[in-house]
Amino acid sequence: MTLKDNVIKNIVMRVIKSQDYRTEIVNLINAEFLQFAMSFFRKIVTAKLNSEKITIDWYKDTFLDSNLPPDEIAINSGLNTKTISNMYRSTAKKIVIEAANEHFETLYDSIKTLTENENDTDLTLTIKFNGVSVDLNINESLIVINTLAVKRAALRGGLWSSAGKRAEKYLMLTLCKLYGVDEQYYNAEHFIRDKDLDVDREIDFYLRNNGNEYKCEVKLMGQGNPESADAIIARGSQVFVADTLSQQNKNQCDQLGVCWVACRDENGFRRFRYVLDKFNIPHTDYNGNLDNDLPIILEELFNKK
């Protein structure tokens, strides 16, 4: 089981137990960033030692090499592919390489200007690996520091989105397992957009019974997030399951006739029984021990994927 899988399991357990799950994603960001930093520093030592040039070209030749994957080239230049996509409306490799090289030249010129104007400040970054060390001057050090900052920002944005999205599916599956809902009464398959429709959006999860399907919107969001009501209206959902819902969010759901479950409320997951009752979906009430049952359920779900 991967590190991300363990994080998803921990997120689901914490949400159902009315605990804050965000620390799990922060820990994942830290772990992946530190792993990247160590690998990056090793590459820097190797590149610096192998370079015959004493200019910044050693970094550009190695870290903006067109043979590297586009996302690596972008990060190494101080950009990320999402920014390039927003700027050029494309992440084709040719576009990424051009944007990365252009940005790197601009970044390096800015650093040179800064260090020339701040000539009373000096910085040397020493990296040691397997008994071998290299020194980076202030210009090189600032480029490396900027690259690390961009990488962490990219990880932060990507992991919050991807981890949260993956956890939403397993949250619904786990709720169904807790209440003994048979697989015939829900659909957890990935929803495919219908290109024939003018407006069509991804649906997270379906409950179903007697030929009827009930759309479930799942959001692990913060309190008062206005996205909640917008998502319900846009997708015509009949069920809304969230980590946290403000009273206004709950009132909006009630006005729209949407069943809501706010897991962060005390024993909030138990409101899922109300959802099942409303749609006459066969189930059994849950009277077990979450500490014992959740690890077993999640282990089974991840082993099936």
Protein backbone atom coordinates (compact mmCIF):
# COMPACT_ATOMS: atom_id res chain seq x y z
CA MET A 1 0.00 0.00 0.00
CA THR A 2 1.38 3.40 -0.99
CA LEU A 3 1.92 6.43 1.23
CA LYS A 4 -1.00 8.16 -0.50
CA ASP A 5 -3.28 5.18 0.13
CA ASN A 6 -2.53 5.35 3.83
CA VAL A 7 -3.26 9.06 3.83
CA ILE A 8 -6.63 8.50 2.10
CA LYS A 9 -7.53 5.84 4.67
CA ASN A 10 -6.60 8.17 7.53
CA ILE A 11 -8.60 11.03 6.00
CA VAL A 12 -11.74 8.90 5.76
CA MET A 13 -11.34 7.60 9.32
CA ARG A 14 -10.88 11.10 10.72
CA VAL A 15 -13.82 12.56 8.79
CA ILE A 16 -16.23 9.84 9.92
CA LYS A 17 -15.00 10.20 13.52
CA SER A 18 -15.73 13.97 13.38
CA GLN A 19 -12.03 14.85 13.51
CA ASP A 20 -10.08 17.31 11.39
CA TYR A 21 -8.40 15.52 8.48
CA ARG A 22 -6.18 18.32 7.19
CA THR A 23 -3.12 17.29 9.17
CA GLU A 24 -2.97 14.11 7.06
CA ILE A 25 -2.60 16.08 3.82
CA VAL A 26 -0.07 18.45 5.41
CA ASN A 27 2.02 15.46 6.48
CA LEU A 28 1.83 14.05 2.95
CA ILE A 29 2.95 17.38 1.48
CA ASN A 30 5.86 17.48 3.92
CA ALA A 31 6.91 13.91 3.11
CA GLU A 32 6.79 14.36 -0.67
CA PHE A 33 8.50 17.75 -0.53
CA LEU A 34 11.37 16.50 1.63
CA GLN A 35 11.80 13.50 -0.66
CA PHE A 36 11.93 15.85 -3.67
CA ALA A 37 14.40 18.18 -1.92
CA MET A 38 16.81 15.36 -1.10
CA SER A 39 16.68 14.03 -4.67
CA PHE A 40 17.10 17.55 -6.07
CA PHE A 41 20.15 18.24 -3.91
CA ARG A 42 21.77 14.99 -5.07
CA LYS A 43 21.25 16.01 -8.69
CA ILE A 44 22.74 19.44 -7.98
CA VAL A 45 25.90 17.92 -6.51
CA THR A 46 26.31 15.64 -9.52
CA ALA A 47 25.57 18.38 -12.05
CA LYS A 48 27.90 20.88 -10.41
CA LEU A 49 30.77 18.38 -10.18
CA ASN A 50 30.33 17.27 -13.80
CA SER A 51 30.16 20.77 -15.20
CA GLU A 52 33.24 22.21 -16.88
CA LYS A 53 31.69 25.66 -16.91
CA ILE A 54 31.89 28.12 -14.07
CA THR A 55 28.76 30.02 -15.15
CA ILE A 56 25.13 29.33 -14.34
CA ASP A 57 24.96 27.29 -17.55
CA TRP A 58 25.64 24.14 -15.51
CA TYR A 59 22.18 24.45 -13.96
CA LYS A 60 20.43 25.33 -17.21
CA ASP A 61 22.11 22.53 -19.17
CA THR A 62 21.13 19.90 -16.60
CA PHE A 63 17.81 21.03 -15.19
CA LEU A 64 16.23 22.54 -18.32
CA ASP A 65 17.36 19.67 -20.53
CA SER A 66 14.71 19.09 -23.21
CA ASN A 67 14.90 15.34 -22.57
CA LEU A 68 13.39 15.78 -19.11
CA PRO A 69 9.63 15.43 -18.53
CA PRO A 70 7.79 18.75 -19.10
CA ASP A 71 6.64 19.10 -15.50
CA GLU A 72 10.25 18.75 -14.25
CA ILE A 73 11.51 21.34 -16.72
CA ALA A 74 8.80 23.75 -15.60
CA ILE A 75 9.52 23.30 -11.89
CA ASN A 76 13.28 23.59 -12.39
CA SER A 77 12.80 26.90 -14.17
CA GLY A 78 10.69 28.27 -11.32
CA LEU A 79 7.28 27.67 -12.92
CA ASN A 80 4.69 24.92 -12.78
CA THR A 81 2.64 23.42 -15.57
CA LYS A 82 -0.62 24.91 -14.27
CA THR A 83 0.83 28.42 -14.55
CA ILE A 84 2.10 27.67 -18.06
CA SER A 85 -1.33 26.31 -19.01
CA ASN A 86 -2.98 29.50 -17.76
CA MET A 87 -0.46 31.68 -19.62
CA TYR A 88 -0.29 29.82 -22.94
CA ARG A 89 -3.45 27.66 -22.84
CA SER A 90 -1.28 24.65 -23.56
CA THR A 91 1.10 22.30 -21.78
CA ALA A 92 2.59 20.80 -24.93
CA LYS A 93 6.24 19.98 -24.35
CA LYS A 94 7.42 22.53 -26.90
CA ILE A 95 5.45 25.27 -25.15
CA VAL A 96 6.71 24.19 -21.73
CA ILE A 97 10.35 24.25 -22.86
CA GLU A 98 10.00 27.70 -24.44
CA ALA A 99 8.19 29.12 -21.42
CA ALA A 100 10.65 27.55 -18.98
CA ASN A 101 13.73 28.88 -20.76
CA GLU A 102 12.23 32.34 -21.11
CA HIS A 103 11.24 32.43 -17.46
CA PHE A 104 14.62 31.14 -16.31
CA GLU A 105 16.45 33.90 -18.17
CA THR A 106 14.12 36.51 -16.65
CA LEU A 107 14.52 35.01 -13.19
CA TYR A 108 18.29 34.91 -13.43
CA ASP A 109 18.45 38.51 -14.67
CA SER A 110 16.31 39.58 -11.71
CA ILE A 111 18.56 37.71 -9.28
CA LYS A 112 21.70 39.25 -10.80
CA THR A 113 20.22 42.74 -10.51
CA LEU A 114 19.21 42.08 -6.92
CA THR A 115 22.61 40.74 -5.85
CA GLU A 116 24.45 43.58 -7.59
CA ASN A 117 22.33 46.13 -5.74
CA GLU A 118 22.67 44.23 -2.47
CA ASN A 119 26.44 43.80 -2.71
CA ASP A 120 26.85 43.87 1.06
CA THR A 121 24.95 40.57 1.33
CA ASP A 122 26.51 37.22 0.55
CA LEU A 123 25.12 33.70 0.64
CA THR A 124 26.78 30.36 0.06
CA LEU A 125 24.80 27.13 0.01
CA THR A 126 26.96 24.10 0.72
CA ILE A 127 25.57 20.68 -0.17
CA LYS A 128 27.33 17.51 0.97
CA PHE A 129 26.56 14.06 -0.36
CA ASN A 130 28.56 10.85 0.24
CA GLY A 131 31.50 12.86 1.55
CA VAL A 132 31.56 15.16 -1.48
CA SER A 133 30.49 18.79 -1.15
CA VAL A 134 29.81 21.63 -3.56
CA ASP A 135 29.31 25.32 -2.88
CA LEU A 136 26.69 27.40 -4.66
CA ASN A 137 27.18 31.15 -4.89
CA ILE A 138 24.40 33.57 -4.01
CA ASN A 139 22.89 33.60 -7.52
CA GLU A 140 22.84 29.81 -7.74
CA SER A 141 21.52 29.49 -4.20
CA LEU A 142 18.59 31.83 -4.87
CA ILE A 143 17.65 29.87 -7.99
CA VAL A 144 17.65 26.62 -5.99
CA ILE A 145 15.64 28.19 -3.17
CA ASN A 146 13.10 29.54 -5.66
CA THR A 147 12.77 26.12 -7.32
CA LEU A 148 12.10 24.46 -3.97
CA ALA A 149 9.46 27.08 -3.15
CA VAL A 150 7.70 26.52 -6.48
CA LYS A 151 7.79 22.75 -6.03
CA ARG A 152 6.22 22.96 -2.58
CA ALA A 153 3.49 25.26 -3.88
CA ALA A 154 2.78 22.84 -6.74
CA LEU A 155 2.64 19.88 -4.35
CA ARG A 156 0.36 21.79 -2.01
CA GLY A 157 -2.15 22.63 -4.73
CA GLY A 158 -2.07 19.22 -6.36
CA LEU A 159 -2.24 17.09 -3.22
CA TRP A 160 -5.05 19.04 -1.58
CA SER A 161 -7.10 18.53 -4.72
CA SER A 162 -6.21 14.92 -5.55
CA ALA A 163 -6.19 13.55 -2.00
CA GLY A 164 -9.51 15.20 -1.21
CA LYS A 165 -11.11 13.91 -4.40
CA ARG A 166 -9.94 10.33 -3.83
CA ALA A 167 -11.07 10.41 -0.22
CA GLU A 168 -14.58 11.48 -1.22
CA LYS A 169 -15.25 8.21 -3.05
CA TYR A 170 -13.93 6.08 -0.17
CA LEU A 171 -15.90 8.14 2.32
CA MET A 172 -19.16 7.21 0.57
CA LEU A 173 -18.16 3.57 0.19
CA THR A 174 -17.28 3.40 3.88
CA LEU A 175 -20.60 4.95 4.93
CA CYS A 176 -22.41 2.36 2.84
CA LYS A 177 -20.38 -0.45 4.42
CA LEU A 178 -21.05 0.85 7.95
CA TYR A 179 -24.79 0.66 7.27
CA GLY A 180 -24.66 -2.66 5.46
CA VAL A 181 -25.83 -1.27 2.13
CA ASP A 182 -25.56 -3.91 -0.58
CA GLU A 183 -23.53 -2.99 -3.68
CA GLN A 184 -26.64 -3.14 -5.88
CA TYR A 185 -27.90 0.01 -4.16
CA TYR A 186 -25.02 2.31 -5.07
CA ASN A 187 -22.74 3.16 -7.97
CA ALA A 188 -19.19 4.22 -7.27
CA GLU A 189 -17.96 4.03 -10.86
CA HIS A 190 -16.32 7.13 -12.26
CA PHE A 191 -18.95 9.27 -13.96
CA ILE A 192 -18.22 9.97 -17.65
CA ARG A 193 -19.21 13.36 -19.01
CA ASP A 194 -21.77 13.29 -21.81
CA LYS A 195 -20.31 15.38 -24.65
CA ASP A 196 -23.75 15.60 -26.29
CA LEU A 197 -25.01 17.77 -23.43
CA ASP A 198 -24.43 21.52 -23.36
CA VAL A 199 -23.79 21.43 -19.63
CA ASP A 200 -22.59 18.27 -17.94
CA ARG A 201 -20.53 17.78 -14.80
CA GLU A 202 -18.91 14.94 -12.96
CA ILE A 203 -21.08 13.27 -10.32
CA ASP A 204 -19.25 11.88 -7.33
CA PHE A 205 -21.50 9.00 -6.29
CA TYR A 206 -24.96 7.53 -6.86
CA LEU A 207 -27.37 5.84 -4.49
CA ARG A 208 -30.03 3.85 -6.32
CA ASN A 209 -33.20 1.85 -5.70
CA ASN A 210 -36.11 0.54 -7.79
CA GLY A 211 -34.68 1.92 -11.02
CA ASN A 212 -34.07 5.38 -9.55
CA GLU A 213 -30.63 6.95 -9.16
CA TYR A 214 -29.92 9.66 -6.60
CA LYS A 215 -26.96 11.93 -7.23
CA CYS A 216 -24.63 12.45 -4.29
CA GLU A 217 -22.38 15.49 -4.03
CA VAL A 218 -19.36 15.01 -1.77
CA LYS A 219 -17.17 17.90 -0.62
CA LEU A 220 -14.42 17.93 1.97
CA MET A 221 -14.52 21.67 2.46
CA GLY A 222 -14.28 24.33 5.11
CA GLN A 223 -17.21 25.87 6.96
CA GLY A 224 -19.22 28.44 5.08
CA ASN A 225 -17.74 27.62 1.69
CA PRO A 226 -20.18 29.13 -0.84
CA GLU A 227 -19.28 26.44 -3.36
CA SER A 228 -21.64 24.09 -1.56
CA ALA A 229 -24.95 25.51 -2.69
CA ASP A 230 -23.58 26.24 -6.17
CA ALA A 231 -22.53 22.62 -6.59
CA ILE A 232 -25.96 21.34 -5.55
CA ILE A 233 -27.80 23.67 -7.94
CA ALA A 234 -25.42 22.97 -10.83
CA ARG A 235 -25.60 19.22 -10.56
CA GLY A 236 -29.16 18.69 -9.36
CA SER A 237 -27.93 16.52 -6.50
CA GLN A 238 -30.32 14.89 -4.05
CA VAL A 239 -27.67 14.15 -1.39
CA PHE A 240 -24.89 16.36 -0.07
CA VAL A 241 -22.17 14.87 2.15
CA ALA A 242 -19.52 17.19 3.53
CA ASP A 243 -16.88 17.46 6.20
CA THR A 244 -18.24 20.73 7.53
CA LEU A 245 -21.45 22.64 6.78
CA SER A 246 -22.44 25.98 8.22
CA GLN A 247 -25.99 26.53 9.38
CA GLN A 248 -26.57 28.59 6.25
CA ASN A 249 -25.36 25.67 4.11
CA LYS A 250 -27.76 23.35 5.92
CA ASN A 251 -30.64 25.80 5.47
CA GLN A 252 -29.90 26.03 1.76
CA CYS A 253 -29.98 22.25 1.49
CA ASP A 254 -33.28 22.07 3.37
CA GLN A 255 -34.80 24.71 1.07
CA LEU A 256 -33.68 22.76 -1.98
CA GLY A 257 -34.97 19.47 -0.58
CA VAL A 258 -31.47 18.02 -0.50
CA CYS A 259 -30.50 15.52 2.20
CA TRP A 260 -27.30 16.64 3.91
CA VAL A 261 -24.70 14.94 6.08
CA ALA A 262 -22.18 17.09 7.98
CA CYS A 263 -19.57 14.64 9.25
CA ARG A 264 -17.83 17.20 11.45
CA ASP A 265 -20.94 17.52 13.62
CA GLU A 266 -20.86 15.26 16.66
CA ASN A 267 -21.60 11.77 15.31
CA GLY A 268 -22.45 13.57 12.07
CA PHE A 269 -22.00 10.46 9.94
CA ARG A 270 -25.11 8.95 11.56
CA ARG A 271 -27.30 11.32 9.55
CA PHE A 272 -26.50 9.07 6.59
CA ARG A 273 -29.19 6.73 7.93
CA TYR A 274 -31.75 9.49 7.30
CA VAL A 275 -30.61 9.59 3.66
CA LEU A 276 -31.06 5.82 3.29
CA ASP A 277 -34.47 5.94 4.95
CA LYS A 278 -35.68 8.72 2.66
CA PHE A 279 -34.85 6.76 -0.50
CA ASN A 280 -36.00 3.41 0.93
CA ILE A 281 -32.57 1.88 0.52
CA PRO A 282 -32.25 -1.35 2.57
CA HIS A 283 -29.73 -1.05 5.38
CA THR A 284 -29.08 -1.90 9.00
CA ASP A 285 -28.46 0.65 11.72
CA TYR A 286 -24.84 0.97 12.78
CA ASN A 287 -24.14 0.14 16.42
CA GLY A 288 -20.51 -0.96 16.21
CA ASN A 289 -17.19 0.51 17.27
CA LEU A 290 -15.61 2.87 14.72
CA ASP A 291 -12.09 2.32 16.03
CA ASN A 292 -12.45 -1.40 15.31
CA ASP A 293 -14.61 -1.35 12.19
CA LEU A 294 -13.14 1.46 10.09
CA PRO A 295 -9.65 -0.07 9.64
CA ILE A 296 -11.22 -3.39 8.57
CA ILE A 297 -13.63 -1.76 6.10
CA LEU A 298 -10.96 0.45 4.53
CA GLU A 299 -8.49 -2.41 4.26
CA GLU A 300 -11.10 -4.40 2.32
CA LEU A 301 -11.93 -1.45 0.05
CA PHE A 302 -8.30 -0.77 -0.84
CA ASN A 303 -7.58 -4.44 -1.43
CA LYS A 304 -10.44 -4.54 -3.96
CA LYS A 305 -9.29 -1.61 -6.07
